[in-house]
Every structure is written in C-alpha cells, then in structure tokens.
Amino acid sequence: GVQEALPKQRSYIQEKLKEYYNYVGIPRDLNKGEEVGIFLLSHKFFVIDEGYVWLNATKKPGQPGFGARLPRLLTYAVVEDQQLNDKSLVINTHLDTKVRGTEGGIRIILDTIDSLIAEDAKYRKKPIDSIYITGDFNIDDRDPMFDVLYQSKYKFAS
C-alpha cells in the first residue's frame, strides 16, 4: 500500500509497473489530493470487491474526523489469489497523528472488517481466509493503541 501518494506520483508508479499491477485508490479529499491506495499483482490477484471508508464518526466522504486536521480513510480490496484459491481482505490506511484519531480510526477498521466479512458471507460461497492491514499508523507497534487491534477477535501480528 501507499500513503500520501499524490496522483502524479501514483501515475508514475503505475506507469513503471505497467500491466503487472492493478491499483485501487482515490484521493482522500475526493479531488486531486493524497491517496491511500493498494497495488495488487494483476496475474495473481483477482479483485472481487473494492471500496473506501472514511475515518470519521459519520463516515462522510472527504471529511476529517476525531479531531484530525485532514480527512483520513481506508481503502479495501477483497481479492482471490488465482494460484492458491485463497480469498483475502486487504486494507490500507493512514491514521492521524492524534491519539483520538488513531483510536477512532482503529475502531472503524475493526467495524469495517466485521461488515465486509458479514457482507461477503451473504453473497459468496467461499469465506475470506486472511486479512492484511498495511498503512501508516503514526504510532510505534508497542503503543497501547495497538491493544485495540490485539485484543479484538482477530489475530494480528506486527
């Protein structure tokens, strides 16, 4: 995943990666701002579903939340590994530097995982096998904020 990639930078990376990678991502301000996107090997991963969730109390697109100065979001893709026949949820995010924004963002990430797994189970026969979260969390992996992730029902490794 990439964080704070401007459209010009993302375009440059896409040009260099050519047809080898697909890209999922949009600017966090819904215009021409920084993106929190995901590059996926096109020959290996088939994108089943993709989307974006804004990290604010209303999840309103392009709006900052939890005291953040800038809008924050997560980008997700549900992908099938065409070689292993595994299905994964891939999330990329960039959390705020303020504690309130980090905790609020992590809680929305967990809620989003719950929602996507439940939605996926309704419409598809094969369940999601793995969850991958990448991003700039703006905290050290020993920070107590990570306890929110570590104490959830999912098993996370740093």
C-alpha atoms as a PDB file:
ATOM      1  CA  GLY A   1       0.000   0.000   0.000  1.00  0.00           C
ATOM      2  CA  VAL A   2       0.929   3.613  -0.455  1.00  0.00           C
ATOM      3  CA  GLN A   3       0.189   6.548   1.831  1.00  0.00           C
ATOM      4  CA  GLU A   4       0.178  10.218   0.892  1.00  0.00           C
ATOM      5  CA  ALA A   5       0.725   9.397  -2.785  1.00  0.00           C
ATOM      6  CA  LEU A   6      -0.226  12.324  -4.969  1.00  0.00           C
ATOM      7  CA  PRO A   7      -1.970  11.443  -8.249  1.00  0.00           C
ATOM      8  CA  LYS A   8       1.188  12.373 -10.189  1.00  0.00           C
ATOM      9  CA  GLN A   9       3.276  10.026  -8.025  1.00  0.00           C
ATOM     10  CA  ARG A  10       0.699   7.232  -8.283  1.00  0.00           C
ATOM     11  CA  SER A  11       0.578   7.671 -12.069  1.00  0.00           C
ATOM     12  CA  TYR A  12       4.364   7.437 -12.226  1.00  0.00           C
ATOM     13  CA  ILE A  13       4.358   4.204 -10.197  1.00  0.00           C
ATOM     14  CA  GLN A  14       1.545   2.768 -12.319  1.00  0.00           C
ATOM     15  CA  GLU A  15       3.448   3.643 -15.500  1.00  0.00           C
ATOM     16  CA  LYS A  16       6.557   1.867 -14.219  1.00  0.00           C
ATOM     17  CA  LEU A  17       4.613  -1.178 -13.039  1.00  0.00           C
ATOM     18  CA  LYS A  18       2.625  -1.277 -16.300  1.00  0.00           C
ATOM     19  CA  GLU A  19       0.192  -4.154 -16.627  1.00  0.00           C
ATOM     20  CA  TYR A  20       1.785  -6.132 -13.782  1.00  0.00           C
ATOM     21  CA  TYR A  21      -0.205  -4.400 -11.024  1.00  0.00           C
ATOM     22  CA  ASN A  22      -3.779  -3.223 -10.601  1.00  0.00           C
ATOM     23  CA  TYR A  23      -4.462  -0.197  -8.427  1.00  0.00           C
ATOM     24  CA  VAL A  24      -7.290   0.508  -6.006  1.00  0.00           C
ATOM     25  CA  GLY A  25      -7.384   4.002  -4.506  1.00  0.00           C
ATOM     26  CA  ILE A  26      -8.846   7.514  -4.590  1.00  0.00           C
ATOM     27  CA  PRO A  27      -7.764  10.914  -3.223  1.00  0.00           C
ATOM     28  CA  ARG A  28      -8.783  11.428   0.377  1.00  0.00           C
ATOM     29  CA  ASP A  29     -10.207  14.853  -0.464  1.00  0.00           C
ATOM     30  CA  LEU A  30     -12.154  13.380  -3.447  1.00  0.00           C
ATOM     31  CA  ASN A  31     -10.301  15.747  -5.754  1.00  0.00           C
ATOM     32  CA  LYS A  32      -6.584  15.634  -6.574  1.00  0.00           C
ATOM     33  CA  GLY A  33      -5.122  15.114  -3.120  1.00  0.00           C
ATOM     34  CA  GLU A  34      -3.129  12.387  -1.451  1.00  0.00           C
ATOM     35  CA  GLU A  35      -4.197   8.773  -1.934  1.00  0.00           C
ATOM     36  CA  VAL A  36      -4.125   5.731   0.325  1.00  0.00           C
ATOM     37  CA  GLY A  37      -4.065   3.031  -2.315  1.00  0.00           C
ATOM     38  CA  ILE A  38      -3.261  -0.612  -2.874  1.00  0.00           C
ATOM     39  CA  PHE A  39      -1.201  -2.113  -5.707  1.00  0.00           C
ATOM     40  CA  LEU A  40      -2.023  -5.766  -6.427  1.00  0.00           C
ATOM     41  CA  LEU A  41      -0.205  -8.191  -8.715  1.00  0.00           C
ATOM     42  CA  SER A  42      -2.604  -8.470 -11.650  1.00  0.00           C
ATOM     43  CA  HIS A  43      -1.620 -12.010 -12.664  1.00  0.00           C
ATOM     44  CA  LYS A  44      -2.032 -13.298  -9.107  1.00  0.00           C
ATOM     45  CA  PHE A  45      -4.964 -11.434  -7.540  1.00  0.00           C
ATOM     46  CA  PHE A  46      -8.460 -11.066  -8.924  1.00  0.00           C
ATOM     47  CA  VAL A  47     -10.285  -8.136  -7.313  1.00  0.00           C
ATOM     48  CA  ILE A  48     -13.752  -9.291  -6.186  1.00  0.00           C
ATOM     49  CA  ASP A  49     -14.744  -6.119  -4.358  1.00  0.00           C
ATOM     50  CA  GLU A  50     -13.153  -2.778  -3.533  1.00  0.00           C
ATOM     51  CA  GLY A  51     -14.098   0.342  -1.666  1.00  0.00           C
ATOM     52  CA  TYR A  52     -13.301   3.136   0.731  1.00  0.00           C
ATOM     53  CA  VAL A  53     -14.371   4.066   4.244  1.00  0.00           C
ATOM     54  CA  TRP A  54     -13.703   7.487   5.712  1.00  0.00           C
ATOM     55  CA  LEU A  55     -12.365   7.509   9.248  1.00  0.00           C
ATOM     56  CA  ASN A  56     -14.836   9.885  10.854  1.00  0.00           C
ATOM     57  CA  ALA A  57     -17.893   9.379  13.057  1.00  0.00           C
ATOM     58  CA  THR A  58     -20.342   9.740  10.144  1.00  0.00           C
ATOM     59  CA  LYS A  59     -18.072   8.056   7.554  1.00  0.00           C
ATOM     60  CA  LYS A  60     -18.914  11.009   5.313  1.00  0.00           C
ATOM     61  CA  PRO A  61     -16.546  11.065   2.310  1.00  0.00           C
ATOM     62  CA  GLY A  62     -13.777  13.634   2.321  1.00  0.00           C
ATOM     63  CA  GLN A  63     -14.397  14.869   5.881  1.00  0.00           C
ATOM     64  CA  PRO A  64     -11.871  14.835   8.731  1.00  0.00           C
ATOM     65  CA  GLY A  65     -12.907  13.172  11.958  1.00  0.00           C
ATOM     66  CA  PHE A  66     -11.916  12.554  15.566  1.00  0.00           C
ATOM     67  CA  GLY A  67     -10.094  15.886  15.790  1.00  0.00           C
ATOM     68  CA  ALA A  68      -7.959  15.270  12.705  1.00  0.00           C
ATOM     69  CA  ARG A  69      -6.926  18.217  10.568  1.00  0.00           C
ATOM     70  CA  LEU A  70      -7.158  16.242   7.312  1.00  0.00           C
ATOM     71  CA  PRO A  71      -9.565  13.590   6.009  1.00  0.00           C
ATOM     72  CA  ARG A  72      -8.417  10.026   6.685  1.00  0.00           C
ATOM     73  CA  LEU A  73      -9.668   6.885   5.001  1.00  0.00           C
ATOM     74  CA  LEU A  74      -9.084   3.238   4.477  1.00  0.00           C
ATOM     75  CA  THR A  75      -9.009   1.550   1.099  1.00  0.00           C
ATOM     76  CA  TYR A  76     -10.005  -2.082   0.894  1.00  0.00           C
ATOM     77  CA  ALA A  77      -9.991  -4.860  -1.656  1.00  0.00           C
ATOM     78  CA  VAL A  78     -11.389  -8.358  -1.356  1.00  0.00           C
ATOM     79  CA  VAL A  79      -9.155 -10.444  -3.605  1.00  0.00           C
ATOM     80  CA  GLU A  80      -8.849 -14.025  -4.715  1.00  0.00           C
ATOM     81  CA  ASP A  81      -5.390 -15.483  -5.126  1.00  0.00           C
ATOM     82  CA  GLN A  82      -5.754 -17.166  -8.503  1.00  0.00           C
ATOM     83  CA  GLN A  83      -2.880 -19.556  -7.799  1.00  0.00           C
ATOM     84  CA  LEU A  84      -3.770 -20.663  -4.264  1.00  0.00           C
ATOM     85  CA  ASN A  85      -7.548 -20.207  -4.498  1.00  0.00           C
ATOM     86  CA  ASP A  86      -7.470 -18.240  -1.215  1.00  0.00           C
ATOM     87  CA  LYS A  87      -9.582 -15.173  -0.586  1.00  0.00           C
ATOM     88  CA  SER A  88      -8.191 -12.227   1.361  1.00  0.00           C
ATOM     89  CA  LEU A  89      -9.291  -8.847   2.610  1.00  0.00           C
ATOM     90  CA  VAL A  90      -6.569  -6.243   2.058  1.00  0.00           C
ATOM     91  CA  ILE A  91      -6.824  -2.910   3.876  1.00  0.00           C
ATOM     92  CA  ASN A  92      -4.518   0.068   3.564  1.00  0.00           C
ATOM     93  CA  THR A  93      -4.868   3.168   5.723  1.00  0.00           C
ATOM     94  CA  HIS A  94      -3.137   6.244   7.052  1.00  0.00           C
ATOM     95  CA  LEU A  95      -4.182   7.118  10.588  1.00  0.00           C
ATOM     96  CA  ASP A  96      -3.995  10.531  12.179  1.00  0.00           C
ATOM     97  CA  THR A  97      -1.185  11.609  14.468  1.00  0.00           C
ATOM     98  CA  LYS A  98      -3.568  12.487  17.318  1.00  0.00           C
ATOM     99  CA  VAL A  99      -4.474   9.755  19.815  1.00  0.00           C
ATOM    100  CA  ARG A 100      -8.224  10.307  19.413  1.00  0.00           C
ATOM    101  CA  GLY A 101      -7.930  10.000  15.626  1.00  0.00           C
ATOM    102  CA  THR A 102      -5.804   6.872  15.869  1.00  0.00           C
ATOM    103  CA  GLU A 103      -8.168   5.112  18.263  1.00  0.00           C
ATOM    104  CA  GLY A 104     -11.257   6.152  16.297  1.00  0.00           C
ATOM    105  CA  GLY A 105      -9.626   5.006  13.065  1.00  0.00           C
ATOM    106  CA  ILE A 106      -8.680   1.610  14.501  1.00  0.00           C
ATOM    107  CA  ARG A 107     -12.234   1.080  15.751  1.00  0.00           C
ATOM    108  CA  ILE A 108     -13.636   1.912  12.298  1.00  0.00           C
ATOM    109  CA  ILE A 109     -11.134  -0.508  10.733  1.00  0.00           C
ATOM    110  CA  LEU A 110     -12.395  -3.308  13.018  1.00  0.00           C
ATOM    111  CA  ASP A 111     -16.045  -2.415  12.315  1.00  0.00           C
ATOM    112  CA  THR A 112     -15.292  -2.398   8.589  1.00  0.00           C
ATOM    113  CA  ILE A 113     -13.666  -5.837   8.795  1.00  0.00           C
ATOM    114  CA  ASP A 114     -16.774  -7.172  10.589  1.00  0.00           C
ATOM    115  CA  SER A 115     -19.094  -5.625   7.982  1.00  0.00           C
ATOM    116  CA  LEU A 116     -17.105  -6.824   4.978  1.00  0.00           C
ATOM    117  CA  ILE A 117     -16.823 -10.384   6.290  1.00  0.00           C
ATOM    118  CA  ALA A 118     -20.567 -10.490   7.021  1.00  0.00           C
ATOM    119  CA  GLU A 119     -21.448  -8.998   3.618  1.00  0.00           C
ATOM    120  CA  ASP A 120     -19.075 -11.322   1.817  1.00  0.00           C
ATOM    121  CA  ALA A 121     -20.566 -14.353   3.596  1.00  0.00           C
ATOM    122  CA  LYS A 122     -24.059 -13.391   2.387  1.00  0.00           C
ATOM    123  CA  TYR A 123     -23.139 -13.246  -1.293  1.00  0.00           C
ATOM    124  CA  ARG A 124     -20.254 -15.640  -1.814  1.00  0.00           C
ATOM    125  CA  LYS A 125     -19.714 -19.311  -1.111  1.00  0.00           C
ATOM    126  CA  LYS A 126     -16.035 -19.122  -0.170  1.00  0.00           C
ATOM    127  CA  PRO A 127     -15.188 -17.242   3.056  1.00  0.00           C
ATOM    128  CA  ILE A 128     -12.365 -14.757   3.487  1.00  0.00           C
ATOM    129  CA  ASP A 129      -9.267 -16.707   4.548  1.00  0.00           C
ATOM    130  CA  SER A 130      -6.911 -13.882   5.547  1.00  0.00           C
ATOM    131  CA  ILE A 131      -6.892 -10.208   6.463  1.00  0.00           C
ATOM    132  CA  TYR A 132      -3.942  -7.950   5.702  1.00  0.00           C
ATOM    133  CA  ILE A 133      -3.709  -4.406   7.043  1.00  0.00           C
ATOM    134  CA  THR A 134      -0.995  -2.086   5.813  1.00  0.00           C
ATOM    135  CA  GLY A 135      -0.545   1.586   6.417  1.00  0.00           C
ATOM    136  CA  ASP A 136       0.966   4.421   8.318  1.00  0.00           C
ATOM    137  CA  PHE A 137      -0.474   4.118  11.796  1.00  0.00           C
ATOM    138  CA  ASN A 138       1.616   7.048  13.074  1.00  0.00           C
ATOM    139  CA  ILE A 139       2.433   5.058  16.220  1.00  0.00           C
ATOM    140  CA  ASP A 140       5.026   2.503  17.256  1.00  0.00           C
ATOM    141  CA  ASP A 141       3.816  -1.119  17.220  1.00  0.00           C
ATOM    142  CA  ARG A 142       4.291  -1.258  21.021  1.00  0.00           C
ATOM    143  CA  ASP A 143       1.949   1.698  21.532  1.00  0.00           C
ATOM    144  CA  PRO A 144      -1.099   0.925  23.731  1.00  0.00           C
ATOM    145  CA  MET A 145      -3.299   1.964  20.783  1.00  0.00           C
ATOM    146  CA  PHE A 146      -2.413  -1.321  19.114  1.00  0.00           C
ATOM    147  CA  ASP A 147      -4.035  -3.113  22.062  1.00  0.00           C
ATOM    148  CA  VAL A 148      -7.376  -2.233  20.444  1.00  0.00           C
ATOM    149  CA  LEU A 149      -6.303  -4.413  17.488  1.00  0.00           C
ATOM    150  CA  TYR A 150      -4.535  -7.082  19.501  1.00  0.00           C
ATOM    151  CA  GLN A 151      -7.476  -7.523  21.884  1.00  0.00           C
ATOM    152  CA  SER A 152     -10.033  -7.809  19.087  1.00  0.00           C
ATOM    153  CA  LYS A 153     -11.416 -11.158  17.931  1.00  0.00           C
ATOM    154  CA  TYR A 154      -8.935 -11.177  15.051  1.00  0.00           C
ATOM    155  CA  LYS A 155      -5.364 -12.379  15.333  1.00  0.00           C
ATOM    156  CA  PHE A 156      -2.933  -9.647  14.273  1.00  0.00           C
ATOM    157  CA  ALA A 157       0.826  -9.740  14.085  1.00  0.00           C
ATOM    158  CA  SER A 158       3.030  -6.682  13.805  1.00  0.00           C
END
